[in-house]
């Protein structure tokens, strides 16, 4: 099985392939927004984006915060709120999350080559909102947040999250204006006390819970 260094190398090769500088090259600020074109004009459907969001918003989902350890020359760990997360495979154990190609946090996760998915509980709506802010507007999303290292990758494991999944990056695929990131699960676990409150849900633009 490829180690953390191999996973990081895979992510770095991806960044180089799309023209985004890596930490090792040190040519630009690592938080710069990558200049990626999502789709060509002739690939676009005549669809109203607002209507697309309205209809798809009827699909209720859980909410996670995806985190990664920061490099020595960065301002702490990286993390962003993500509702596009799913289990992918049991054998081998794989999960996937989707991230916008314009994300300022994704390049930092890619450079790390690892990540931890923190599944949020019903009472963690404010925490989710903090991590939903763009990294360009809130450089230190971890200010005041309690966390410890995930056992394999050292990615931040948020205190009070009902479940966590510690992963190395396995593959990255393009999907229109988003990227599909596949992670191999290295460790995972639950906080039974936190899980008792139920999951944080997102539906039609608002947070909720199983009891709401």
N, C-alpha and C. Protein backbone atom coordinates (compact mmCIF):
# COMPACT_ATOMS: atom_id res chain seq x y z
N UNK A 1 0.85 -1.20 0.00
CA UNK A 1 0.00 0.00 0.00
C UNK A 1 0.88 1.24 0.00
N UNK A 2 0.53 2.21 -0.81
CA UNK A 2 1.30 3.44 -0.90
C UNK A 2 1.21 4.22 0.40
N UNK A 3 2.37 4.71 0.89
CA UNK A 3 2.39 5.46 2.14
C UNK A 3 1.96 6.90 1.95
N UNK A 4 2.05 7.67 3.05
CA UNK A 4 1.62 9.07 3.01
C UNK A 4 2.41 9.87 2.00
N UNK A 5 3.72 9.59 1.91
CA UNK A 5 4.55 10.33 0.96
C UNK A 5 4.10 10.06 -0.46
N UNK A 6 3.73 8.81 -0.74
CA UNK A 6 3.25 8.47 -2.08
C UNK A 6 1.95 9.17 -2.39
N UNK A 7 1.05 9.22 -1.40
CA UNK A 7 -0.22 9.91 -1.61
C UNK A 7 0.01 11.40 -1.85
N UNK A 8 0.91 11.98 -1.09
CA UNK A 8 1.21 13.40 -1.27
C UNK A 8 1.81 13.65 -2.64
N UNK A 9 2.68 12.72 -3.09
CA UNK A 9 3.28 12.87 -4.41
C UNK A 9 2.22 12.81 -5.50
N UNK A 10 1.23 11.93 -5.32
CA UNK A 10 0.14 11.84 -6.30
C UNK A 10 -0.61 13.16 -6.38
N UNK A 11 -0.92 13.74 -5.22
CA UNK A 11 -1.64 15.02 -5.20
C UNK A 11 -0.81 16.13 -5.81
N UNK A 12 0.49 16.12 -5.54
CA UNK A 12 1.37 17.15 -6.10
C UNK A 12 1.43 17.03 -7.62
N UNK A 13 1.50 15.78 -8.13
CA UNK A 13 1.50 15.60 -9.57
C UNK A 13 0.22 16.15 -10.19
N UNK A 14 -0.88 15.96 -9.48
CA UNK A 14 -2.15 16.52 -9.96
C UNK A 14 -2.08 18.04 -10.05
N UNK A 15 -1.58 18.67 -9.00
CA UNK A 15 -1.50 20.12 -8.98
C UNK A 15 -0.61 20.64 -10.11
N UNK A 16 0.50 19.93 -10.36
CA UNK A 16 1.38 20.34 -11.44
C UNK A 16 0.70 20.19 -12.79
N UNK A 17 -0.11 19.14 -12.93
CA UNK A 17 -0.77 18.88 -14.21
C UNK A 17 -1.76 19.97 -14.57
N UNK A 18 -2.33 20.64 -13.56
CA UNK A 18 -3.29 21.72 -13.84
C UNK A 18 -2.63 23.09 -13.74
N UNK A 19 -1.32 23.09 -13.59
CA UNK A 19 -0.61 24.36 -13.60
C UNK A 19 -0.58 25.08 -12.29
N UNK A 20 -0.93 24.42 -11.18
CA UNK A 20 -0.91 25.05 -9.87
C UNK A 20 0.41 24.76 -9.20
N UNK A 21 1.17 25.77 -8.74
CA UNK A 21 2.47 25.53 -8.12
C UNK A 21 2.34 24.77 -6.82
N UNK A 22 3.33 23.98 -6.50
CA UNK A 22 3.35 23.20 -5.27
C UNK A 22 4.15 23.94 -4.21
N UNK A 23 4.03 23.46 -2.97
CA UNK A 23 4.77 24.07 -1.87
C UNK A 23 6.27 24.01 -2.12
N UNK A 24 6.72 22.86 -2.67
CA UNK A 24 8.15 22.67 -2.87
C UNK A 24 8.71 23.71 -3.84
N UNK A 25 7.90 24.12 -4.82
CA UNK A 25 8.38 25.08 -5.80
C UNK A 25 8.45 26.48 -5.22
N UNK A 26 7.57 26.79 -4.26
CA UNK A 26 7.61 28.06 -3.54
C UNK A 26 7.63 29.27 -4.48
N UNK A 27 6.79 29.25 -5.51
CA UNK A 27 6.78 30.37 -6.45
C UNK A 27 5.67 31.37 -6.14
N UNK A 28 4.61 30.91 -5.48
CA UNK A 28 3.51 31.81 -5.13
C UNK A 28 2.99 31.44 -3.76
N UNK A 29 2.16 32.30 -3.23
CA UNK A 29 1.47 32.02 -1.97
C UNK A 29 0.69 30.72 -2.12
N UNK A 30 0.88 29.72 -1.22
CA UNK A 30 0.18 28.45 -1.37
C UNK A 30 -1.33 28.55 -1.26
N UNK A 31 -1.85 29.69 -0.80
CA UNK A 31 -3.30 29.84 -0.69
C UNK A 31 -3.90 30.50 -1.92
N UNK A 32 -3.09 30.76 -2.95
CA UNK A 32 -3.63 31.41 -4.14
C UNK A 32 -4.72 30.55 -4.78
N UNK A 33 -5.73 31.19 -5.32
CA UNK A 33 -6.82 30.49 -5.98
C UNK A 33 -6.33 29.94 -7.31
N UNK A 34 -6.46 28.63 -7.56
CA UNK A 34 -5.97 28.06 -8.82
C UNK A 34 -6.80 28.54 -10.00
N UNK A 35 -6.12 28.87 -11.09
CA UNK A 35 -6.81 29.35 -12.27
C UNK A 35 -7.27 28.20 -13.14
N UNK A 36 -8.39 27.59 -12.78
CA UNK A 36 -8.89 26.43 -13.50
C UNK A 36 -10.21 26.76 -14.20
N UNK A 37 -10.33 26.40 -15.48
CA UNK A 37 -11.58 26.56 -16.20
C UNK A 37 -12.39 25.29 -16.01
N UNK A 38 -13.62 25.41 -15.56
CA UNK A 38 -14.42 24.23 -15.26
C UNK A 38 -14.91 23.53 -16.52
N UNK A 39 -15.69 24.22 -17.34
CA UNK A 39 -16.24 23.62 -18.55
C UNK A 39 -16.26 24.67 -19.67
N UNK A 40 -16.27 24.18 -20.91
CA UNK A 40 -16.38 25.08 -22.06
C UNK A 40 -17.82 25.55 -22.21
N UNK A 41 -17.99 26.66 -22.91
CA UNK A 41 -19.33 27.20 -23.10
C UNK A 41 -20.23 26.21 -23.83
N UNK A 42 -19.65 25.46 -24.81
CA UNK A 42 -20.48 24.53 -25.57
C UNK A 42 -20.83 23.27 -24.78
N UNK A 43 -20.27 23.15 -23.57
CA UNK A 43 -20.61 22.01 -22.71
C UNK A 43 -21.74 22.34 -21.74
N UNK A 44 -22.11 23.60 -21.67
CA UNK A 44 -23.11 24.02 -20.69
C UNK A 44 -24.52 23.72 -21.19
N UNK A 45 -25.35 23.26 -20.27
CA UNK A 45 -26.76 23.04 -20.59
C UNK A 45 -27.54 24.34 -20.37
N UNK A 46 -28.62 24.56 -21.11
CA UNK A 46 -29.44 25.76 -20.90
C UNK A 46 -30.26 25.63 -19.63
N UNK A 47 -29.55 25.66 -18.48
CA UNK A 47 -30.20 25.41 -17.19
C UNK A 47 -29.96 26.60 -16.28
N UNK A 48 -30.99 27.03 -15.59
CA UNK A 48 -30.87 28.13 -14.64
C UNK A 48 -30.17 27.61 -13.39
N UNK A 49 -28.98 28.15 -13.03
CA UNK A 49 -28.26 27.68 -11.84
C UNK A 49 -29.11 27.75 -10.57
N UNK A 50 -29.92 28.81 -10.44
CA UNK A 50 -30.76 28.94 -9.25
C UNK A 50 -31.78 27.82 -9.18
N UNK A 51 -32.35 27.45 -10.32
CA UNK A 51 -33.32 26.36 -10.35
C UNK A 51 -32.64 25.02 -10.05
N UNK A 52 -31.45 24.85 -10.56
CA UNK A 52 -30.67 23.64 -10.28
C UNK A 52 -30.46 23.47 -8.78
N UNK A 53 -30.04 24.57 -8.12
CA UNK A 53 -29.81 24.50 -6.68
C UNK A 53 -31.12 24.27 -5.92
N UNK A 54 -32.20 24.91 -6.38
CA UNK A 54 -33.48 24.77 -5.68
C UNK A 54 -33.97 23.33 -5.71
N UNK A 55 -33.92 22.72 -6.86
CA UNK A 55 -34.41 21.34 -6.99
C UNK A 55 -33.50 20.37 -6.24
N UNK A 56 -32.19 20.48 -6.43
CA UNK A 56 -31.27 19.56 -5.76
C UNK A 56 -31.24 19.78 -4.26
N UNK A 57 -31.66 20.98 -3.81
CA UNK A 57 -31.70 21.26 -2.38
C UNK A 57 -32.71 20.42 -1.63
N UNK A 58 -33.62 19.77 -2.36
CA UNK A 58 -34.59 18.89 -1.72
C UNK A 58 -33.98 17.57 -1.27
N UNK A 59 -32.75 17.32 -1.69
CA UNK A 59 -32.05 16.12 -1.23
C UNK A 59 -31.34 16.44 0.07
N UNK A 60 -31.83 15.89 1.18
CA UNK A 60 -31.22 16.13 2.48
C UNK A 60 -29.92 15.35 2.60
N UNK A 61 -28.93 15.97 3.22
CA UNK A 61 -27.64 15.30 3.39
C UNK A 61 -27.08 15.57 4.78
N UNK A 62 -26.13 14.76 5.16
CA UNK A 62 -25.35 15.05 6.35
C UNK A 62 -24.34 16.14 6.04
N UNK A 63 -23.61 16.57 7.05
CA UNK A 63 -22.62 17.63 6.88
C UNK A 63 -21.32 17.20 7.52
N UNK A 64 -20.21 17.49 6.86
CA UNK A 64 -18.90 17.13 7.38
C UNK A 64 -17.97 18.35 7.33
N UNK A 65 -16.87 18.24 8.03
CA UNK A 65 -15.75 19.16 7.86
C UNK A 65 -14.54 18.30 7.48
N UNK A 66 -13.98 18.58 6.32
CA UNK A 66 -12.81 17.86 5.83
C UNK A 66 -11.57 18.66 6.24
N UNK A 67 -10.64 18.01 6.91
CA UNK A 67 -9.46 18.71 7.44
C UNK A 67 -8.18 18.03 6.96
N UNK A 68 -7.10 18.78 7.04
CA UNK A 68 -5.77 18.25 6.71
C UNK A 68 -4.73 19.01 7.51
N UNK A 69 -3.60 18.37 7.82
CA UNK A 69 -2.55 19.09 8.54
C UNK A 69 -1.89 20.12 7.64
N UNK A 70 -1.49 21.24 8.20
CA UNK A 70 -0.85 22.29 7.42
C UNK A 70 0.64 22.02 7.27
N UNK A 71 1.23 22.55 6.21
CA UNK A 71 2.67 22.45 6.01
C UNK A 71 3.38 23.40 6.96
N UNK A 72 4.69 23.22 7.07
CA UNK A 72 5.47 24.02 8.02
C UNK A 72 5.40 25.51 7.70
N UNK A 73 5.24 25.84 6.41
CA UNK A 73 5.23 27.25 6.04
C UNK A 73 3.82 27.81 5.87
N UNK A 74 2.81 27.08 6.37
CA UNK A 74 1.44 27.53 6.27
C UNK A 74 0.92 27.95 7.64
N UNK A 75 -0.23 28.65 7.62
CA UNK A 75 -0.80 29.19 8.86
C UNK A 75 -1.74 28.17 9.50
N UNK A 76 -1.20 27.06 9.96
CA UNK A 76 -2.00 26.07 10.65
C UNK A 76 -2.67 25.09 9.71
N UNK A 77 -3.58 24.27 10.24
CA UNK A 77 -4.24 23.24 9.44
C UNK A 77 -5.20 23.83 8.41
N UNK A 78 -5.68 22.95 7.53
CA UNK A 78 -6.66 23.35 6.51
C UNK A 78 -7.97 22.63 6.77
N UNK A 79 -9.08 23.25 6.38
CA UNK A 79 -10.37 22.59 6.56
C UNK A 79 -11.49 23.34 5.89
N UNK A 80 -12.53 22.62 5.46
CA UNK A 80 -13.69 23.27 4.88
C UNK A 80 -14.93 22.42 5.11
N UNK A 81 -16.08 23.08 5.18
CA UNK A 81 -17.35 22.38 5.36
C UNK A 81 -17.75 21.72 4.06
N UNK A 82 -18.23 20.47 4.15
CA UNK A 82 -18.53 19.70 2.94
C UNK A 82 -19.76 18.84 3.18
N UNK A 83 -20.79 19.02 2.34
CA UNK A 83 -21.95 18.14 2.41
C UNK A 83 -21.93 17.08 1.33
N UNK A 84 -21.03 17.24 0.34
CA UNK A 84 -20.91 16.28 -0.75
C UNK A 84 -19.88 15.21 -0.37
N UNK A 85 -20.31 14.31 0.48
CA UNK A 85 -19.45 13.24 0.98
C UNK A 85 -20.21 11.93 0.93
N UNK A 86 -19.51 10.84 0.63
CA UNK A 86 -20.18 9.54 0.56
C UNK A 86 -19.19 8.41 0.76
N UNK A 87 -19.70 7.28 1.28
CA UNK A 87 -18.94 6.04 1.28
C UNK A 87 -18.90 5.53 -0.15
N UNK A 88 -17.77 4.99 -0.58
CA UNK A 88 -17.61 4.59 -1.97
C UNK A 88 -17.40 3.09 -2.13
N UNK A 89 -16.56 2.50 -1.30
CA UNK A 89 -16.21 1.09 -1.47
C UNK A 89 -15.88 0.47 -0.12
N UNK A 90 -16.27 -0.79 0.04
CA UNK A 90 -15.95 -1.52 1.26
C UNK A 90 -14.61 -2.25 1.14
N UNK A 91 -14.32 -2.78 -0.05
CA UNK A 91 -13.09 -3.55 -0.26
C UNK A 91 -12.47 -3.16 -1.60
N UNK A 92 -11.47 -2.27 -1.61
CA UNK A 92 -10.83 -1.64 -0.45
C UNK A 92 -11.72 -0.55 0.14
N UNK A 93 -11.45 -0.15 1.39
CA UNK A 93 -12.28 0.87 2.03
C UNK A 93 -12.00 2.25 1.45
N UNK A 94 -12.97 2.79 0.72
CA UNK A 94 -12.80 4.09 0.08
C UNK A 94 -13.99 5.00 0.39
N UNK A 95 -13.71 6.28 0.51
CA UNK A 95 -14.75 7.30 0.63
C UNK A 95 -14.46 8.37 -0.42
N UNK A 96 -15.42 9.26 -0.63
CA UNK A 96 -15.22 10.33 -1.61
C UNK A 96 -15.87 11.61 -1.13
N UNK A 97 -15.28 12.73 -1.51
CA UNK A 97 -15.92 14.02 -1.29
C UNK A 97 -15.71 14.88 -2.53
N UNK A 98 -16.59 15.83 -2.72
CA UNK A 98 -16.50 16.75 -3.85
C UNK A 98 -16.16 18.15 -3.36
N UNK A 99 -15.30 18.82 -4.11
CA UNK A 99 -14.87 20.17 -3.73
C UNK A 99 -14.81 21.03 -4.99
N UNK A 100 -15.20 22.29 -4.85
CA UNK A 100 -15.17 23.22 -5.98
C UNK A 100 -13.74 23.41 -6.47
N UNK A 101 -13.58 23.48 -7.78
CA UNK A 101 -12.25 23.65 -8.35
C UNK A 101 -11.66 25.01 -8.01
N UNK A 102 -12.48 25.95 -7.58
CA UNK A 102 -12.00 27.27 -7.19
C UNK A 102 -11.68 27.37 -5.70
N UNK A 103 -11.82 26.28 -4.98
CA UNK A 103 -11.58 26.29 -3.53
C UNK A 103 -10.14 26.70 -3.22
N UNK A 104 -9.99 27.57 -2.22
CA UNK A 104 -8.65 27.95 -1.77
C UNK A 104 -8.09 26.96 -0.77
N UNK A 105 -8.96 26.11 -0.20
CA UNK A 105 -8.52 25.12 0.79
C UNK A 105 -8.04 23.85 0.13
N UNK A 106 -8.66 23.45 -1.00
CA UNK A 106 -8.30 22.20 -1.64
C UNK A 106 -6.81 22.07 -1.98
N UNK A 107 -6.14 23.09 -2.55
CA UNK A 107 -4.72 22.91 -2.85
C UNK A 107 -3.90 22.54 -1.62
N UNK A 108 -4.28 23.03 -0.44
CA UNK A 108 -3.55 22.71 0.78
C UNK A 108 -3.77 21.24 1.17
N UNK A 109 -5.00 20.76 0.99
CA UNK A 109 -5.29 19.36 1.27
C UNK A 109 -4.55 18.47 0.28
N UNK A 110 -4.54 18.88 -0.98
CA UNK A 110 -3.84 18.11 -2.01
C UNK A 110 -2.35 18.01 -1.70
N UNK A 111 -1.76 19.10 -1.26
CA UNK A 111 -0.33 19.06 -0.92
C UNK A 111 -0.06 18.15 0.27
N UNK A 112 -0.99 18.12 1.21
CA UNK A 112 -0.81 17.25 2.38
C UNK A 112 -0.90 15.78 1.97
N UNK A 113 -1.76 15.47 0.98
CA UNK A 113 -1.92 14.10 0.54
C UNK A 113 -2.79 13.26 1.45
N UNK A 114 -3.34 13.87 2.49
CA UNK A 114 -4.15 13.16 3.47
C UNK A 114 -5.29 14.07 3.92
N UNK A 115 -6.31 13.47 4.55
CA UNK A 115 -7.41 14.27 5.10
C UNK A 115 -8.19 13.44 6.11
N UNK A 116 -8.97 14.14 6.93
CA UNK A 116 -9.87 13.50 7.88
C UNK A 116 -11.26 14.09 7.68
N UNK A 117 -12.24 13.21 7.52
CA UNK A 117 -13.63 13.64 7.39
C UNK A 117 -14.25 13.60 8.78
N UNK A 118 -14.69 14.75 9.27
CA UNK A 118 -15.35 14.86 10.56
C UNK A 118 -16.85 14.98 10.34
N UNK A 119 -17.60 13.96 10.71
CA UNK A 119 -19.06 13.97 10.54
C UNK A 119 -19.66 14.78 11.69
N UNK A 120 -20.39 15.84 11.37
CA UNK A 120 -20.88 16.76 12.39
C UNK A 120 -22.19 16.30 13.01
N UNK A 121 -22.35 16.68 14.29
CA UNK A 121 -23.54 16.36 15.03
C UNK A 121 -24.56 17.48 15.00
N UNK A 122 -25.76 17.20 15.51
CA UNK A 122 -26.88 18.13 15.41
C UNK A 122 -26.60 19.49 16.04
N UNK A 123 -25.72 19.55 17.02
CA UNK A 123 -25.46 20.80 17.71
C UNK A 123 -24.25 21.56 17.16
N UNK A 124 -23.72 21.10 16.04
CA UNK A 124 -22.49 21.71 15.51
C UNK A 124 -22.73 22.60 14.30
N UNK A 125 -23.94 23.14 14.17
CA UNK A 125 -24.22 24.07 13.09
C UNK A 125 -23.30 25.28 13.09
N UNK A 126 -23.08 25.94 14.24
CA UNK A 126 -22.17 27.10 14.25
C UNK A 126 -20.76 26.74 13.80
N UNK A 127 -20.28 25.55 14.20
CA UNK A 127 -18.96 25.11 13.77
C UNK A 127 -18.91 24.95 12.26
N UNK A 128 -19.97 24.38 11.70
CA UNK A 128 -20.05 24.21 10.26
C UNK A 128 -20.00 25.55 9.55
N UNK A 129 -20.73 26.54 10.06
CA UNK A 129 -20.74 27.86 9.43
C UNK A 129 -19.35 28.49 9.42
N UNK A 130 -18.60 28.28 10.50
CA UNK A 130 -17.24 28.82 10.56
C UNK A 130 -16.36 28.22 9.47
N UNK A 131 -16.51 26.94 9.23
CA UNK A 131 -15.68 26.28 8.23
C UNK A 131 -16.21 26.46 6.81
N UNK A 132 -17.44 26.96 6.67
CA UNK A 132 -18.00 27.20 5.35
C UNK A 132 -17.51 28.51 4.74
N UNK A 133 -16.88 29.35 5.55
CA UNK A 133 -16.36 30.62 5.06
C UNK A 133 -15.11 30.36 4.23
N UNK A 134 -14.95 31.08 3.14
CA UNK A 134 -13.78 30.92 2.28
C UNK A 134 -12.50 31.20 3.06
N UNK A 135 -11.47 30.40 2.78
CA UNK A 135 -10.19 30.59 3.43
C UNK A 135 -9.57 31.94 3.14
N UNK A 136 -9.95 32.55 2.02
CA UNK A 136 -9.41 33.87 1.71
C UNK A 136 -10.01 34.94 2.63
N UNK A 137 -11.18 34.67 3.22
CA UNK A 137 -11.83 35.61 4.13
C UNK A 137 -11.58 35.26 5.60
N UNK A 138 -11.28 33.99 5.87
CA UNK A 138 -11.03 33.57 7.24
C UNK A 138 -9.81 32.65 7.22
N UNK A 139 -8.60 33.21 7.23
CA UNK A 139 -7.39 32.40 7.10
C UNK A 139 -7.24 31.33 8.18
N UNK A 140 -7.62 31.64 9.42
CA UNK A 140 -7.48 30.67 10.50
C UNK A 140 -8.85 30.19 10.95
N UNK A 141 -9.37 29.17 10.28
CA UNK A 141 -10.68 28.64 10.62
C UNK A 141 -10.65 27.85 11.93
N UNK A 142 -9.47 27.50 12.40
CA UNK A 142 -9.35 26.68 13.60
C UNK A 142 -9.22 27.50 14.88
N UNK A 143 -9.28 28.81 14.77
CA UNK A 143 -9.19 29.66 15.96
C UNK A 143 -10.33 29.33 16.92
N UNK A 144 -9.98 28.93 18.13
CA UNK A 144 -10.97 28.61 19.14
C UNK A 144 -11.60 27.23 19.00
N UNK A 145 -11.16 26.45 18.02
CA UNK A 145 -11.72 25.11 17.79
C UNK A 145 -10.86 24.06 18.48
N UNK A 146 -11.51 23.17 19.23
CA UNK A 146 -10.78 22.11 19.91
C UNK A 146 -10.64 20.90 18.99
N UNK A 147 -9.42 20.41 18.87
CA UNK A 147 -9.17 19.25 18.02
C UNK A 147 -7.88 18.56 18.45
N UNK A 148 -7.73 17.34 17.98
CA UNK A 148 -6.51 16.57 18.20
C UNK A 148 -6.13 15.89 16.91
N UNK A 149 -4.97 15.21 16.86
CA UNK A 149 -4.53 14.58 15.62
C UNK A 149 -5.24 13.25 15.36
N UNK A 150 -5.67 13.03 14.13
CA UNK A 150 -6.18 11.72 13.74
C UNK A 150 -5.03 10.73 13.82
N UNK A 151 -5.29 9.46 14.13
CA UNK A 151 -4.22 8.53 14.49
C UNK A 151 -3.21 8.20 13.41
N UNK A 152 -3.59 8.25 12.14
CA UNK A 152 -2.66 7.85 11.09
C UNK A 152 -2.07 9.05 10.36
N UNK A 153 -2.91 10.03 9.99
CA UNK A 153 -2.44 11.13 9.15
C UNK A 153 -2.14 12.42 9.89
N UNK A 154 -2.49 12.50 11.17
CA UNK A 154 -2.34 13.73 11.96
C UNK A 154 -3.26 14.85 11.51
N UNK A 155 -4.21 14.56 10.63
CA UNK A 155 -5.19 15.56 10.25
C UNK A 155 -6.05 15.91 11.46
N UNK A 156 -6.53 17.15 11.57
CA UNK A 156 -7.33 17.54 12.74
C UNK A 156 -8.60 16.70 12.88
N UNK A 157 -8.76 16.16 14.06
CA UNK A 157 -9.97 15.42 14.43
C UNK A 157 -10.74 16.32 15.40
N UNK A 158 -11.87 16.84 14.96
CA UNK A 158 -12.60 17.85 15.72
C UNK A 158 -13.30 17.27 16.93
N UNK A 159 -13.14 17.93 18.06
CA UNK A 159 -13.79 17.48 19.28
C UNK A 159 -15.31 17.62 19.16
N UNK A 160 -16.02 16.60 19.58
CA UNK A 160 -17.48 16.64 19.55
C UNK A 160 -18.10 16.12 18.29
N UNK A 161 -17.27 15.74 17.30
CA UNK A 161 -17.82 15.17 16.07
C UNK A 161 -18.23 13.72 16.34
N UNK A 162 -19.44 13.31 15.96
CA UNK A 162 -19.89 11.94 16.24
C UNK A 162 -19.06 10.86 15.56
N UNK A 163 -18.45 11.17 14.42
CA UNK A 163 -17.66 10.16 13.71
C UNK A 163 -16.54 10.84 12.94
N UNK A 164 -15.49 10.08 12.69
CA UNK A 164 -14.35 10.61 11.92
C UNK A 164 -13.79 9.49 11.06
N UNK A 165 -13.25 9.87 9.88
CA UNK A 165 -12.66 8.93 8.95
C UNK A 165 -11.33 9.50 8.49
N UNK A 166 -10.24 8.81 8.82
CA UNK A 166 -8.88 9.25 8.56
C UNK A 166 -8.40 8.62 7.25
N UNK A 167 -7.99 9.44 6.28
CA UNK A 167 -7.75 8.93 4.93
C UNK A 167 -6.46 9.46 4.29
N UNK A 168 -5.97 8.71 3.31
CA UNK A 168 -4.95 9.19 2.39
C UNK A 168 -5.60 9.37 1.03
N UNK A 169 -5.13 10.34 0.26
CA UNK A 169 -5.72 10.59 -1.06
C UNK A 169 -5.37 9.44 -2.00
N UNK A 170 -6.39 8.85 -2.61
CA UNK A 170 -6.22 7.72 -3.50
C UNK A 170 -6.28 8.14 -4.96
N UNK A 171 -7.19 9.06 -5.29
CA UNK A 171 -7.36 9.51 -6.68
C UNK A 171 -8.12 10.82 -6.69
N UNK A 172 -7.95 11.57 -7.77
CA UNK A 172 -8.68 12.82 -7.98
C UNK A 172 -9.23 12.82 -9.40
N UNK A 173 -10.53 13.04 -9.54
CA UNK A 173 -11.17 13.06 -10.85
C UNK A 173 -11.87 14.39 -11.06
N UNK A 174 -11.97 14.83 -12.30
CA UNK A 174 -12.69 16.06 -12.61
C UNK A 174 -14.17 15.75 -12.78
N UNK A 175 -14.99 16.71 -12.35
CA UNK A 175 -16.43 16.59 -12.50
C UNK A 175 -17.03 17.97 -12.72
N UNK A 176 -16.91 18.49 -13.94
CA UNK A 176 -17.41 19.83 -14.22
C UNK A 176 -16.66 20.88 -13.42
N UNK A 177 -17.40 21.70 -12.66
CA UNK A 177 -16.74 22.75 -11.88
C UNK A 177 -16.29 22.26 -10.51
N UNK A 178 -16.36 20.95 -10.28
CA UNK A 178 -15.89 20.35 -9.03
C UNK A 178 -14.85 19.26 -9.30
N UNK A 179 -14.18 18.87 -8.23
CA UNK A 179 -13.28 17.73 -8.26
C UNK A 179 -13.85 16.63 -7.37
N UNK A 180 -13.66 15.39 -7.78
CA UNK A 180 -14.10 14.24 -7.00
C UNK A 180 -12.85 13.62 -6.38
N UNK A 181 -12.73 13.73 -5.07
CA UNK A 181 -11.55 13.26 -4.36
C UNK A 181 -11.87 11.93 -3.68
N UNK A 182 -11.10 10.91 -4.02
CA UNK A 182 -11.29 9.58 -3.45
C UNK A 182 -10.20 9.34 -2.41
N UNK A 183 -10.62 8.92 -1.22
CA UNK A 183 -9.66 8.66 -0.15
C UNK A 183 -9.71 7.22 0.30
N UNK A 184 -8.54 6.65 0.58
CA UNK A 184 -8.48 5.32 1.15
C UNK A 184 -8.52 5.45 2.67
N UNK A 185 -9.43 4.74 3.31
CA UNK A 185 -9.62 4.84 4.75
C UNK A 185 -8.49 4.10 5.46
N UNK A 186 -7.78 4.84 6.33
CA UNK A 186 -6.69 4.25 7.11
C UNK A 186 -7.11 3.96 8.54
N UNK A 187 -8.06 4.73 9.05
CA UNK A 187 -8.58 4.54 10.41
C UNK A 187 -9.91 5.28 10.49
N UNK A 188 -10.75 4.87 11.42
CA UNK A 188 -12.03 5.55 11.61
C UNK A 188 -12.58 5.21 12.98
N UNK A 189 -13.54 6.00 13.43
CA UNK A 189 -14.10 5.75 14.74
C UNK A 189 -15.27 6.67 15.03
N UNK A 190 -15.85 6.49 16.20
CA UNK A 190 -17.01 7.28 16.61
C UNK A 190 -16.82 7.79 18.03
N UNK A 191 -17.56 8.84 18.34
CA UNK A 191 -17.69 9.35 19.69
C UNK A 191 -19.13 9.07 20.09
N UNK A 192 -19.33 7.99 20.83
CA UNK A 192 -20.69 7.54 21.13
C UNK A 192 -21.50 8.59 21.89
N UNK A 193 -20.84 9.33 22.77
CA UNK A 193 -21.54 10.36 23.53
C UNK A 193 -22.05 11.45 22.60
N UNK A 194 -21.19 11.88 21.66
CA UNK A 194 -21.59 12.93 20.72
C UNK A 194 -22.64 12.43 19.75
N UNK A 195 -22.57 11.15 19.40
CA UNK A 195 -23.51 10.59 18.43
C UNK A 195 -24.93 10.54 18.98
N UNK A 196 -25.07 10.59 20.29
CA UNK A 196 -26.39 10.50 20.90
C UNK A 196 -27.32 11.64 20.52
N UNK A 197 -26.76 12.78 20.15
CA UNK A 197 -27.58 13.94 19.78
C UNK A 197 -28.09 13.84 18.35
N UNK A 198 -27.59 12.87 17.59
CA UNK A 198 -28.02 12.73 16.21
C UNK A 198 -27.16 13.55 15.26
N UNK A 199 -27.37 13.39 13.96
CA UNK A 199 -26.54 14.08 12.96
C UNK A 199 -27.02 15.49 12.66
N UNK A 200 -26.10 16.30 12.15
CA UNK A 200 -26.46 17.60 11.59
C UNK A 200 -26.88 17.36 10.14
N UNK A 201 -28.06 17.86 9.77
CA UNK A 201 -28.58 17.69 8.42
C UNK A 201 -28.67 19.03 7.70
N UNK A 202 -28.58 18.97 6.37
CA UNK A 202 -28.72 20.17 5.55
C UNK A 202 -29.79 19.90 4.51
N UNK A 203 -30.82 20.78 4.50
CA UNK A 203 -31.95 20.56 3.60
C UNK A 203 -32.54 21.89 3.17
N UNK A 204 -32.61 22.11 1.87
CA UNK A 204 -33.19 23.33 1.30
C UNK A 204 -32.58 24.60 1.90
N UNK A 205 -31.27 24.57 2.05
CA UNK A 205 -30.54 25.76 2.47
C UNK A 205 -30.48 26.02 3.95
N UNK A 206 -31.02 25.11 4.78
CA UNK A 206 -30.99 25.32 6.22
C UNK A 206 -30.52 24.06 6.93
N UNK A 207 -30.01 24.25 8.16
CA UNK A 207 -29.62 23.12 8.98
C UNK A 207 -30.82 22.57 9.73
N UNK A 208 -30.76 21.28 10.03
CA UNK A 208 -31.82 20.65 10.82
C UNK A 208 -31.28 19.40 11.48
N UNK A 209 -32.16 18.68 12.15
CA UNK A 209 -31.81 17.42 12.78
C UNK A 209 -32.94 16.45 12.62
N UNK A 210 -32.73 15.22 13.02
CA UNK A 210 -33.76 14.20 12.87
C UNK A 210 -34.98 14.52 13.71
N UNK A 211 -34.83 15.34 14.75
CA UNK A 211 -35.95 15.66 15.64
C UNK A 211 -36.64 16.97 15.29
N UNK A 212 -36.10 17.69 14.26
CA UNK A 212 -36.69 19.00 13.95
C UNK A 212 -37.83 18.87 12.95
